[in-house]
C-alpha atoms as a PDB file:
ATOM      1  CA  MET A   1     118.866  79.915-145.403  1.00  0.00           C
ATOM      2  CA  TYR A   2     116.589  79.708-142.349  1.00  0.00           C
ATOM      3  CA  GLY A   3     112.846  79.922-141.879  1.00  0.00           C
ATOM      4  CA  LYS A   4     109.798  78.994-139.866  1.00  0.00           C
ATOM      5  CA  GLU A   5     106.298  77.997-141.047  1.00  0.00           C
ATOM      6  CA  ILE A   6     103.129  77.102-139.173  1.00  0.00           C
ATOM      7  CA  ASN A   7     101.275  75.530-142.106  1.00  0.00           C
ATOM      8  CA  ASP A   8     102.206  71.829-142.284  1.00  0.00           C
ATOM      9  CA  GLU A   9     101.903  71.554-146.065  1.00  0.00           C
ATOM     10  CA  THR A  10     103.952  74.688-146.738  1.00  0.00           C
ATOM     11  CA  TYR A  11     106.517  73.545-144.169  1.00  0.00           C
ATOM     12  CA  ALA A  12     106.893  70.161-145.906  1.00  0.00           C
ATOM     13  CA  ILE A  13     107.249  71.784-149.345  1.00  0.00           C
ATOM     14  CA  CYS A  14     109.918  74.121-148.010  1.00  0.00           C
ATOM     15  CA  LYS A  15     111.884  71.294-146.357  1.00  0.00           C
ATOM     16  CA  SER A  16     111.750  69.322-149.608  1.00  0.00           C
ATOM     17  CA  ASP A  17     112.919  72.332-151.607  1.00  0.00           C
ATOM     18  CA  MET A  18     115.826  72.838-149.223  1.00  0.00           C
ATOM     19  CA  MET A  19     116.924  69.226-149.685  1.00  0.00           C
ATOM     20  CA  ILE A  20     116.592  69.346-153.479  1.00  0.00           C
ATOM     21  CA  LYS A  21     118.755  72.482-153.635  1.00  0.00           C
ATOM     22  CA  GLY A  22     121.424  71.124-151.296  1.00  0.00           C
ATOM     23  CA  ASN A  23     120.582  73.339-148.303  1.00  0.00           C
ATOM     24  CA  ASN A  24     120.188  72.121-144.737  1.00  0.00           C
ATOM     25  CA  PRO A  25     116.489  71.242-144.174  1.00  0.00           C
ATOM     26  CA  GLU A  26     117.034  71.343-140.402  1.00  0.00           C
ATOM     27  CA  ASN A  27     117.195  75.129-140.702  1.00  0.00           C
ATOM     28  CA  ILE A  28     113.459  75.192-141.447  1.00  0.00           C
ATOM     29  CA  LYS A  29     111.385  75.000-138.262  1.00  0.00           C
ATOM     30  CA  VAL A  30     107.696  74.225-137.847  1.00  0.00           C
ATOM     31  CA  GLY A  31     105.343  76.189-135.614  1.00  0.00           C
ATOM     32  CA  SER A  32     104.389  79.737-134.761  1.00  0.00           C
ATOM     33  CA  THR A  33     107.026  82.394-135.297  1.00  0.00           C
ATOM     34  CA  LEU A  34     105.390  84.551-132.647  1.00  0.00           C
ATOM     35  CA  SER A  35     105.036  81.979-129.861  1.00  0.00           C
ATOM     36  CA  THR A  36     108.608  80.670-129.797  1.00  0.00           C
ATOM     37  CA  ASP A  37     111.887  82.208-130.912  1.00  0.00           C
ATOM     38  CA  GLU A  38     113.716  79.370-132.676  1.00  0.00           C
ATOM     39  CA  PHE A  39     116.522  81.644-133.876  1.00  0.00           C
ATOM     40  CA  ALA A  40     117.092  83.755-130.773  1.00  0.00           C
ATOM     41  CA  THR A  41     120.879  83.551-131.006  1.00  0.00           C
ATOM     42  CA  LEU A  42     121.139  84.190-134.755  1.00  0.00           C
ATOM     43  CA  ARG A  43     121.401  87.439-136.726  1.00  0.00           C
ATOM     44  CA  PHE A  44     120.804  87.612-140.485  1.00  0.00           C
ATOM     45  CA  ASP A  45     121.984  89.545-143.542  1.00  0.00           C
ATOM     46  CA  PHE A  46     118.638  89.508-145.365  1.00  0.00           C
ATOM     47  CA  MET A  47     115.112  88.718-144.138  1.00  0.00           C
ATOM     48  CA  LEU A  48     111.851  88.332-146.056  1.00  0.00           C
ATOM     49  CA  SER A  49     108.247  87.892-144.850  1.00  0.00           C
ATOM     50  CA  ASN A  50     104.685  88.025-146.093  1.00  0.00           C
ATOM     51  CA  PRO A  51     102.738  88.024-142.784  1.00  0.00           C
ATOM     52  CA  PRO A  52      98.982  87.300-142.729  1.00  0.00           C
ATOM     53  CA  TYR A  53      96.818  90.413-143.018  1.00  0.00           C
ATOM     54  CA  GLY A  54      94.352  91.150-140.229  1.00  0.00           C
ATOM     55  CA  LYS A  55      94.891  87.806-138.502  1.00  0.00           C
ATOM     56  CA  SER A  56      94.355  87.681-134.743  1.00  0.00           C
ATOM     57  CA  TRP A  57      97.294  86.697-132.548  1.00  0.00           C
ATOM     58  CA  ALA A  58      95.162  86.571-129.380  1.00  0.00           C
ATOM     59  CA  SER A  59      95.786  82.816-128.986  1.00  0.00           C
ATOM     60  CA  GLU A  60      99.537  83.499-128.797  1.00  0.00           C
ATOM     61  CA  GLN A  61      99.322  86.493-126.511  1.00  0.00           C
ATOM     62  CA  LYS A  62     100.207  84.464-123.407  1.00  0.00           C
ATOM     63  CA  HIS A  63     103.640  83.760-124.891  1.00  0.00           C
ATOM     64  CA  ILE A  64     104.315  87.445-125.507  1.00  0.00           C
ATOM     65  CA  LYS A  65     102.591  89.342-122.701  1.00  0.00           C
ATOM     66  CA  ASP A  66     101.760  88.776-119.029  1.00  0.00           C
ATOM     67  CA  GLY A  67      98.800  91.062-118.569  1.00  0.00           C
ATOM     68  CA  SER A  68     100.022  94.428-119.806  1.00  0.00           C
ATOM     69  CA  ASP A  69     103.711  93.523-119.403  1.00  0.00           C
ATOM     70  CA  VAL A  70     105.679  92.396-122.459  1.00  0.00           C
ATOM     71  CA  ILE A  71     107.723  89.302-121.574  1.00  0.00           C
ATOM     72  CA  ASP A  72     109.232  88.561-124.980  1.00  0.00           C
ATOM     73  CA  PRO A  73     112.280  90.798-125.591  1.00  0.00           C
ATOM     74  CA  ARG A  74     111.607  90.809-129.345  1.00  0.00           C
ATOM     75  CA  PHE A  75     108.604  93.029-128.731  1.00  0.00           C
ATOM     76  CA  LYS A  76     110.031  95.427-126.152  1.00  0.00           C
ATOM     77  CA  ILE A  77     111.756  98.599-127.335  1.00  0.00           C
ATOM     78  CA  LYS A  78     113.436 101.711-125.944  1.00  0.00           C
ATOM     79  CA  LEU A  79     111.915 105.112-126.723  1.00  0.00           C
ATOM     80  CA  ASN A  80     112.670 108.501-125.215  1.00  0.00           C
ATOM     81  CA  ASN A  81     109.916 110.103-123.154  1.00  0.00           C
ATOM     82  CA  TYR A  82     109.025 113.824-123.116  1.00  0.00           C
ATOM     83  CA  TRP A  83     112.096 114.587-120.985  1.00  0.00           C
ATOM     84  CA  GLY A  84     114.458 112.641-123.230  1.00  0.00           C
ATOM     85  CA  VAL A  85     114.818 109.671-120.890  1.00  0.00           C
ATOM     86  CA  ALA A  86     114.822 106.224-122.546  1.00  0.00           C
ATOM     87  CA  GLU A  87     112.011 103.982-121.342  1.00  0.00           C
ATOM     88  CA  ASP A  88     110.925 100.410-122.106  1.00  0.00           C
ATOM     89  CA  CYS A  89     107.899 100.563-124.395  1.00  0.00           C
ATOM     90  CA  ASP A  90     105.340  98.076-125.669  1.00  0.00           C
ATOM     91  CA  ALA A  91     105.956  97.070-129.308  1.00  0.00           C
ATOM     92  CA  THR A  92     102.855  94.880-129.744  1.00  0.00           C
ATOM     93  CA  PRO A  93      99.935  95.889-131.990  1.00  0.00           C
ATOM     94  CA  ARG A  94      96.273  95.236-131.286  1.00  0.00           C
ATOM     95  CA  SER A  95      95.465  91.543-130.900  1.00  0.00           C
ATOM     96  CA  SER A  96      93.305  91.514-134.050  1.00  0.00           C
ATOM     97  CA  ASP A  97      96.247  92.091-136.430  1.00  0.00           C
ATOM     98  CA  GLY A  98      99.762  90.680-135.945  1.00  0.00           C
ATOM     99  CA  GLN A  99     101.495  92.010-139.071  1.00  0.00           C
ATOM    100  CA  LEU A 100     103.774  94.388-137.210  1.00  0.00           C
ATOM    101  CA  LEU A 101     104.808  91.617-134.799  1.00  0.00           C
ATOM    102  CA  PHE A 102     106.389  89.763-137.700  1.00  0.00           C
ATOM    103  CA  LEU A 103     108.203  92.943-138.690  1.00  0.00           C
ATOM    104  CA  MET A 104     109.559  93.438-135.151  1.00  0.00           C
ATOM    105  CA  GLU A 105     110.610  89.769-135.049  1.00  0.00           C
ATOM    106  CA  MET A 106     112.902  90.527-137.993  1.00  0.00           C
ATOM    107  CA  VAL A 107     114.092  93.856-136.577  1.00  0.00           C
ATOM    108  CA  SER A 108     115.216  91.997-133.456  1.00  0.00           C
ATOM    109  CA  LYS A 109     117.506  89.841-135.615  1.00  0.00           C
ATOM    110  CA  MET A 110     119.314  92.567-137.540  1.00  0.00           C
ATOM    111  CA  LYS A 111     123.113  92.435-137.523  1.00  0.00           C
ATOM    112  CA  ASP A 112     125.101  95.186-135.825  1.00  0.00           C
ATOM    113  CA  PRO A 113     126.264  97.501-138.653  1.00  0.00           C
ATOM    114  CA  ALA A 114     129.251  98.579-136.563  1.00  0.00           C
ATOM    115  CA  ASN A 115     131.158  95.393-137.411  1.00  0.00           C
ATOM    116  CA  THR A 116     129.129  93.889-140.280  1.00  0.00           C
ATOM    117  CA  ASN A 117     127.388  95.060-143.461  1.00  0.00           C
ATOM    118  CA  GLY A 118     124.178  95.346-141.459  1.00  0.00           C
ATOM    119  CA  THR A 119     120.818  93.848-142.454  1.00  0.00           C
ATOM    120  CA  ARG A 120     118.124  94.466-145.053  1.00  0.00           C
ATOM    121  CA  ILE A 121     114.483  93.490-144.602  1.00  0.00           C
ATOM    122  CA  ALA A 122     111.556  93.237-147.043  1.00  0.00           C
ATOM    123  CA  SER A 123     108.038  92.643-145.742  1.00  0.00           C
ATOM    124  CA  VAL A 124     104.659  92.792-147.513  1.00  0.00           C
ATOM    125  CA  HIS A 125     101.790  94.457-145.607  1.00  0.00           C
ATOM    126  CA  ASN A 126      98.357  95.877-146.185  1.00  0.00           C
ATOM    127  CA  GLY A 127      97.570  99.495-145.368  1.00  0.00           C
ATOM    128  CA  SER A 128      96.780  98.984-141.693  1.00  0.00           C
ATOM    129  CA  SER A 129     100.463  98.811-140.720  1.00  0.00           C
ATOM    130  CA  LEU A 130     100.846 102.379-142.009  1.00  0.00           C
ATOM    131  CA  PHE A 131      98.102 104.105-140.056  1.00  0.00           C
ATOM    132  CA  THR A 132      96.326 102.055-137.351  1.00  0.00           C
ATOM    133  CA  GLY A 133      96.848 102.839-133.669  1.00  0.00           C
ATOM    134  CA  ASP A 134      96.687 106.113-131.751  1.00  0.00           C
ATOM    135  CA  ALA A 135      99.802 107.908-130.522  1.00  0.00           C
ATOM    136  CA  GLY A 136     101.412 105.847-127.753  1.00  0.00           C
ATOM    137  CA  SER A 137      99.797 102.601-128.910  1.00  0.00           C
ATOM    138  CA  GLY A 138     101.849  99.532-129.818  1.00  0.00           C
ATOM    139  CA  GLU A 139     101.494 100.224-133.545  1.00  0.00           C
ATOM    140  CA  SER A 140     102.533 103.842-133.092  1.00  0.00           C
ATOM    141  CA  ASN A 141     105.500 102.833-130.916  1.00  0.00           C
ATOM    142  CA  ILE A 142     106.687 100.376-133.574  1.00  0.00           C
ATOM    143  CA  ARG A 143     106.521 102.954-136.384  1.00  0.00           C
ATOM    144  CA  ARG A 144     108.174 105.578-134.181  1.00  0.00           C
ATOM    145  CA  TYR A 145     111.009 103.188-133.241  1.00  0.00           C
ATOM    146  CA  ILE A 146     111.644 102.217-136.871  1.00  0.00           C
ATOM    147  CA  ILE A 147     111.663 105.839-138.096  1.00  0.00           C
ATOM    148  CA  GLU A 148     113.605 107.362-135.192  1.00  0.00           C
ATOM    149  CA  ASN A 149     116.301 104.712-135.608  1.00  0.00           C
ATOM    150  CA  ASP A 150     116.405 105.436-139.366  1.00  0.00           C
ATOM    151  CA  LEU A 151     115.568 101.848-140.270  1.00  0.00           C
ATOM    152  CA  LEU A 152     112.824 102.588-142.799  1.00  0.00           C
ATOM    153  CA  ASP A 153     114.360 102.795-146.263  1.00  0.00           C
ATOM    154  CA  THR A 154     111.466 102.547-148.742  1.00  0.00           C
ATOM    155  CA  ILE A 155     107.744 101.822-148.982  1.00  0.00           C
ATOM    156  CA  ILE A 156     106.477 100.564-152.346  1.00  0.00           C
ATOM    157  CA  GLN A 157     102.762 100.606-153.107  1.00  0.00           C
ATOM    158  CA  LEU A 158     101.857  97.613-155.291  1.00  0.00           C
ATOM    159  CA  PRO A 159      98.956  97.303-157.747  1.00  0.00           C
ATOM    160  CA  ASN A 160      95.571  96.101-156.456  1.00  0.00           C
ATOM    161  CA  ASN A 161      94.237  92.608-157.262  1.00  0.00           C
ATOM    162  CA  LEU A 162      97.748  91.182-157.399  1.00  0.00           C
ATOM    163  CA  PHE A 163      97.254  88.224-155.030  1.00  0.00           C
ATOM    164  CA  TYR A 164      95.026  85.160-155.251  1.00  0.00           C
ATOM    165  CA  ASN A 165      93.170  85.629-151.957  1.00  0.00           C
ATOM    166  CA  THR A 166      92.801  89.410-151.597  1.00  0.00           C
ATOM    167  CA  GLY A 167      92.250  92.412-153.841  1.00  0.00           C
ATOM    168  CA  ILE A 168      93.324  95.024-151.295  1.00  0.00           C
ATOM    169  CA  THR A 169      96.186  97.467-151.663  1.00  0.00           C
ATOM    170  CA  THR A 170      99.506  96.097-150.439  1.00  0.00           C
ATOM    171  CA  TYR A 171     102.849  97.652-149.669  1.00  0.00           C
ATOM    172  CA  ILE A 172     106.443  96.387-149.499  1.00  0.00           C
ATOM    173  CA  TRP A 173     108.357  97.769-146.517  1.00  0.00           C
ATOM    174  CA  LEU A 174     112.137  97.871-147.068  1.00  0.00           C
ATOM    175  CA  LEU A 175     114.239  98.315-143.937  1.00  0.00           C
ATOM    176  CA  SER A 176     117.997  98.722-143.516  1.00  0.00           C
ATOM    177  CA  ASN A 177     120.270  99.521-140.611  1.00  0.00           C
ATOM    178  CA  ALA A 178     123.185 100.326-142.928  1.00  0.00           C
ATOM    179  CA  LYS A 179     121.833 102.946-145.318  1.00  0.00           C
ATOM    180  CA  PRO A 180     124.289 104.595-147.709  1.00  0.00           C
ATOM    181  CA  GLU A 181     125.011 108.236-146.882  1.00  0.00           C
ATOM    182  CA  ALA A 182     122.589 109.603-149.496  1.00  0.00           C
ATOM    183  CA  ARG A 183     119.659 107.717-147.964  1.00  0.00           C
ATOM    184  CA  LYS A 184     120.316 108.444-144.296  1.00  0.00           C
ATOM    185  CA  GLY A 185     117.494 110.325-142.597  1.00  0.00           C
ATOM    186  CA  LYS A 186     115.209 109.826-145.610  1.00  0.00           C
ATOM    187  CA  VAL A 187     112.395 107.464-146.672  1.00  0.00           C
ATOM    188  CA  GLN A 188     111.701 106.747-150.357  1.00  0.00           C
ATOM    189  CA  LEU A 189     108.079 106.320-151.423  1.00  0.00           C
ATOM    190  CA  ILE A 190     107.395 104.504-154.710  1.00  0.00           C
ATOM    191  CA  ASN A 191     103.927 104.444-156.262  1.00  0.00           C
ATOM    192  CA  GLY A 192     103.686 101.266-158.344  1.00  0.00           C
ATOM    193  CA  VAL A 193      99.890 101.031-158.329  1.00  0.00           C
ATOM    194  CA  ASN A 194      99.606 101.350-162.119  1.00  0.00           C
ATOM    195  CA  LEU A 195     102.590  99.136-162.974  1.00  0.00           C
ATOM    196  CA  CYS A 196     100.616  96.083-164.026  1.00  0.00           C
ATOM    197  CA  GLY A 197      98.529  94.558-166.784  1.00  0.00           C
ATOM    198  CA  LYS A 198      95.152  92.804-166.783  1.00  0.00           C
ATOM    199  CA  MET A 199      95.149  89.006-166.869  1.00  0.00           C
ATOM    200  CA  ARG A 200      93.099  87.262-169.552  1.00  0.00           C
ATOM    201  CA  LYS A 201      91.437  85.166-166.887  1.00  0.00           C
ATOM    202  CA  SER A 202      91.173  85.970-163.195  1.00  0.00           C
ATOM    203  CA  LEU A 203      92.524  83.512-160.629  1.00  0.00           C
ATOM    204  CA  GLY A 204      90.518  84.124-157.479  1.00  0.00           C
ATOM    205  CA  SER A 205      91.116  87.754-156.526  1.00  0.00           C
ATOM    206  CA  LYS A 206      94.149  87.940-158.797  1.00  0.00           C
ATOM    207  CA  ARG A 207      93.195  90.028-161.833  1.00  0.00           C
ATOM    208  CA  ASN A 208      96.451  91.892-162.438  1.00  0.00           C
ATOM    209  CA  GLU A 209     100.036  90.850-162.924  1.00  0.00           C
ATOM    210  CA  MET A 210     103.341  92.694-163.062  1.00  0.00           C
ATOM    211  CA  SER A 211     105.559  92.196-166.085  1.00  0.00           C
ATOM    212  CA  ALA A 212     109.364  92.043-166.041  1.00  0.00           C
ATOM    213  CA  ASP A 213     109.365  95.638-167.325  1.00  0.00           C
ATOM    214  CA  ASP A 214     107.093  96.768-164.474  1.00  0.00           C
ATOM    215  CA  ILE A 215     109.417  95.187-161.927  1.00  0.00           C
ATOM    216  CA  ALA A 216     112.439  96.726-163.648  1.00  0.00           C
ATOM    217  CA  THR A 217     110.803 100.165-163.461  1.00  0.00           C
ATOM    218  CA  ILE A 218     110.448  99.862-159.702  1.00  0.00           C
ATOM    219  CA  THR A 219     114.009  98.592-159.396  1.00  0.00           C
ATOM    220  CA  ARG A 220     115.381 101.505-161.448  1.00  0.00           C
ATOM    221  CA  THR A 221     113.306 104.019-159.471  1.00  0.00           C
ATOM    222  CA  TYR A 222     114.607 102.609-156.224  1.00  0.00           C
ATOM    223  CA  GLY A 223     118.208 102.635-157.395  1.00  0.00           C
ATOM    224  CA  ALA A 224     118.079 106.159-158.834  1.00  0.00           C
ATOM    225  CA  PHE A 225     116.701 107.601-155.550  1.00  0.00           C
ATOM    226  CA  GLU A 226     115.300 110.627-157.377  1.00  0.00           C
ATOM    227  CA  VAL A 227     111.950 112.373-157.450  1.00  0.00           C
ATOM    228  CA  VAL A 228     109.903 111.115-160.405  1.00  0.00           C
ATOM    229  CA  ASN A 229     106.730 112.966-161.457  1.00  0.00           C
END
C-alpha cells in the first residue's frame, strides 16, 4: 500500500496504522500530491481518493504550469483535433477546484492492460466534476479523454447528507482500463440517492447513513450490469 497526505495529523495516523498492520510506513509520503510526484515510477492495481471539493489549487499552479504551458506530464494528454491529428492538450481544471487533478494523477499511474490485469480507480466527487467547463476547457478535455479511451466504468450517485462536513450530492467515479467485454464502450449509471436511512442524531452535516443492505444493493446492481427501473 502507498499513499500521500498533506494534513500532518492524518499523515501521522496513517503511518501508525501502517506500522500496526505490518505494512511499510515509508510508503506513506507527506505533502501535496499535486505539487510533487512521489510515485512517478510506480504503477498500481487499485487506487482510491476522496479529493477536496471546490478547493483552490492556485498556490500549486507554479509546479504544474508555466504560464499557459503544462509542465507536469501527469496533466498533459493527447486528443485528436478536428482533422484526426493527435495533439497535446491541457488536462488542468480551473484553479478554484482541483478535484479532477487528483483523478488525472491516478489515471497517469494506471498499469498497461496489455501485459497486466490493468488498473481500477474509485474517486469520490461532487457534481462539478460532471458538468463544469466549456468545450475545450481543461475539465472538458479530462472528461473527453476518459470517455474516448473507455476508462469510465460507472458513476454512482450517493445519498445527500452522508458526510460530516457537507450535505451536497456526491458521486463515486469508477474507472478501469481493463473492462470485461460486456462493459466495453459503455458507462453504468447507478442512482443510490434513496439508499439510506435517517440517523437518530445528526453529526454535523451527516444526517443519513447507508446500511449494509443499501451497500449490498449497489454492489448487486453494479455486478448485474442490467437496467433497473
